[in-house]
Protein backbone atom coordinates (compact mmCIF):
# COMPACT_ATOMS: atom_id res chain seq x y z
CA UNK A 1 3.59 -2.63 -7.93
CA UNK A 2 3.31 -1.26 -4.43
CA UNK A 3 2.24 -2.97 -1.22
CA UNK A 4 0.93 -1.60 2.04
CA UNK A 5 2.53 -2.58 5.33
CA UNK A 6 1.04 -1.95 8.76
CA UNK A 7 3.47 -0.52 11.28
CA UNK A 8 3.00 0.97 14.72
CA UNK A 9 2.74 4.71 15.18
CA UNK A 10 5.99 4.64 17.17
CA UNK A 11 7.88 2.92 14.35
CA UNK A 12 6.42 5.31 11.80
CA UNK A 13 7.63 8.24 13.93
CA UNK A 14 11.08 6.62 14.18
CA UNK A 15 11.36 6.18 10.41
CA UNK A 16 10.03 9.68 9.77
CA UNK A 17 12.56 11.14 12.23
CA UNK A 18 15.39 9.46 10.29
CA UNK A 19 14.06 10.37 6.85
CA UNK A 20 16.39 12.61 4.88
CA UNK A 21 15.28 15.53 2.75
CA UNK A 22 14.19 14.39 -0.73
CA UNK A 23 14.17 10.74 0.40
CA UNK A 24 11.08 8.56 0.04
CA UNK A 25 9.88 6.41 2.91
CA UNK A 26 10.98 3.34 0.94
CA UNK A 27 14.47 4.78 0.50
CA UNK A 28 14.62 5.57 4.22
CA UNK A 29 13.57 2.05 5.18
CA UNK A 30 16.08 0.52 2.77
CA UNK A 31 18.85 2.70 4.20
CA UNK A 32 17.92 1.92 7.80
CA UNK A 33 17.59 -1.80 7.17
CA UNK A 34 20.77 -2.01 5.15
CA UNK A 35 21.75 -4.78 2.81
CA UNK A 36 22.81 -8.30 3.60
CA UNK A 37 25.91 -8.84 5.71
CA UNK A 38 29.00 -9.23 3.49
CA UNK A 39 29.71 -12.70 4.94
CA UNK A 40 26.25 -13.84 3.80
CA UNK A 41 26.98 -13.02 0.16
CA UNK A 42 30.72 -13.72 0.00
CA UNK A 43 31.62 -16.06 -2.83
CA UNK A 44 28.37 -15.69 -4.76
CA UNK A 45 30.05 -13.85 -7.63
CA UNK A 46 33.16 -14.90 -9.46
CA UNK A 47 36.07 -12.48 -9.31
CA UNK A 48 35.58 -11.62 -12.99
CA UNK A 49 31.87 -10.91 -12.52
CA UNK A 50 32.53 -8.77 -9.45
CA UNK A 51 35.17 -6.77 -11.33
CA UNK A 52 32.83 -6.25 -14.29
CA UNK A 53 30.06 -5.07 -11.95
CA UNK A 54 32.42 -2.64 -10.19
CA UNK A 55 33.51 -1.24 -13.55
CA UNK A 56 29.92 -0.76 -14.70
CA UNK A 57 28.97 0.97 -11.46
CA UNK A 58 31.94 3.31 -11.72
CA UNK A 59 31.06 4.13 -15.33
CA UNK A 60 27.46 4.80 -14.29
CA UNK A 61 28.61 7.13 -11.49
CA UNK A 62 30.80 9.04 -13.94
CA UNK A 63 27.92 9.29 -16.44
CA UNK A 64 25.51 10.45 -13.72
CA UNK A 65 27.99 13.07 -12.51
CA UNK A 66 28.44 14.38 -16.04
CA UNK A 67 24.71 14.51 -16.67
CA UNK A 68 24.09 16.35 -13.40
CA UNK A 69 26.80 18.87 -14.25
CA UNK A 70 25.26 19.48 -17.70
CA UNK A 71 21.82 19.92 -16.18
CA UNK A 72 23.12 22.41 -13.61
CA UNK A 73 24.81 24.42 -16.37
CA UNK A 74 21.53 24.67 -18.27
CA UNK A 75 19.87 26.32 -15.28
CA UNK A 76 22.67 28.76 -14.48
């Protein structure tokens, strides 16, 4: 579900100026805003949970890289 947000013309120009190619406005705003400060979330996850999440992310990156490589080969 999407929502509309009113922003000034100046802010819209700022965000647009920082928008990367192939990036949506939402992605640009998320990148510019950033995530929470590490001190604000420190200690929320157990060490085991954090390790499991890191492992899953790494596996996902490897899978994504492999899939992208396969896709590129199909178009060459």
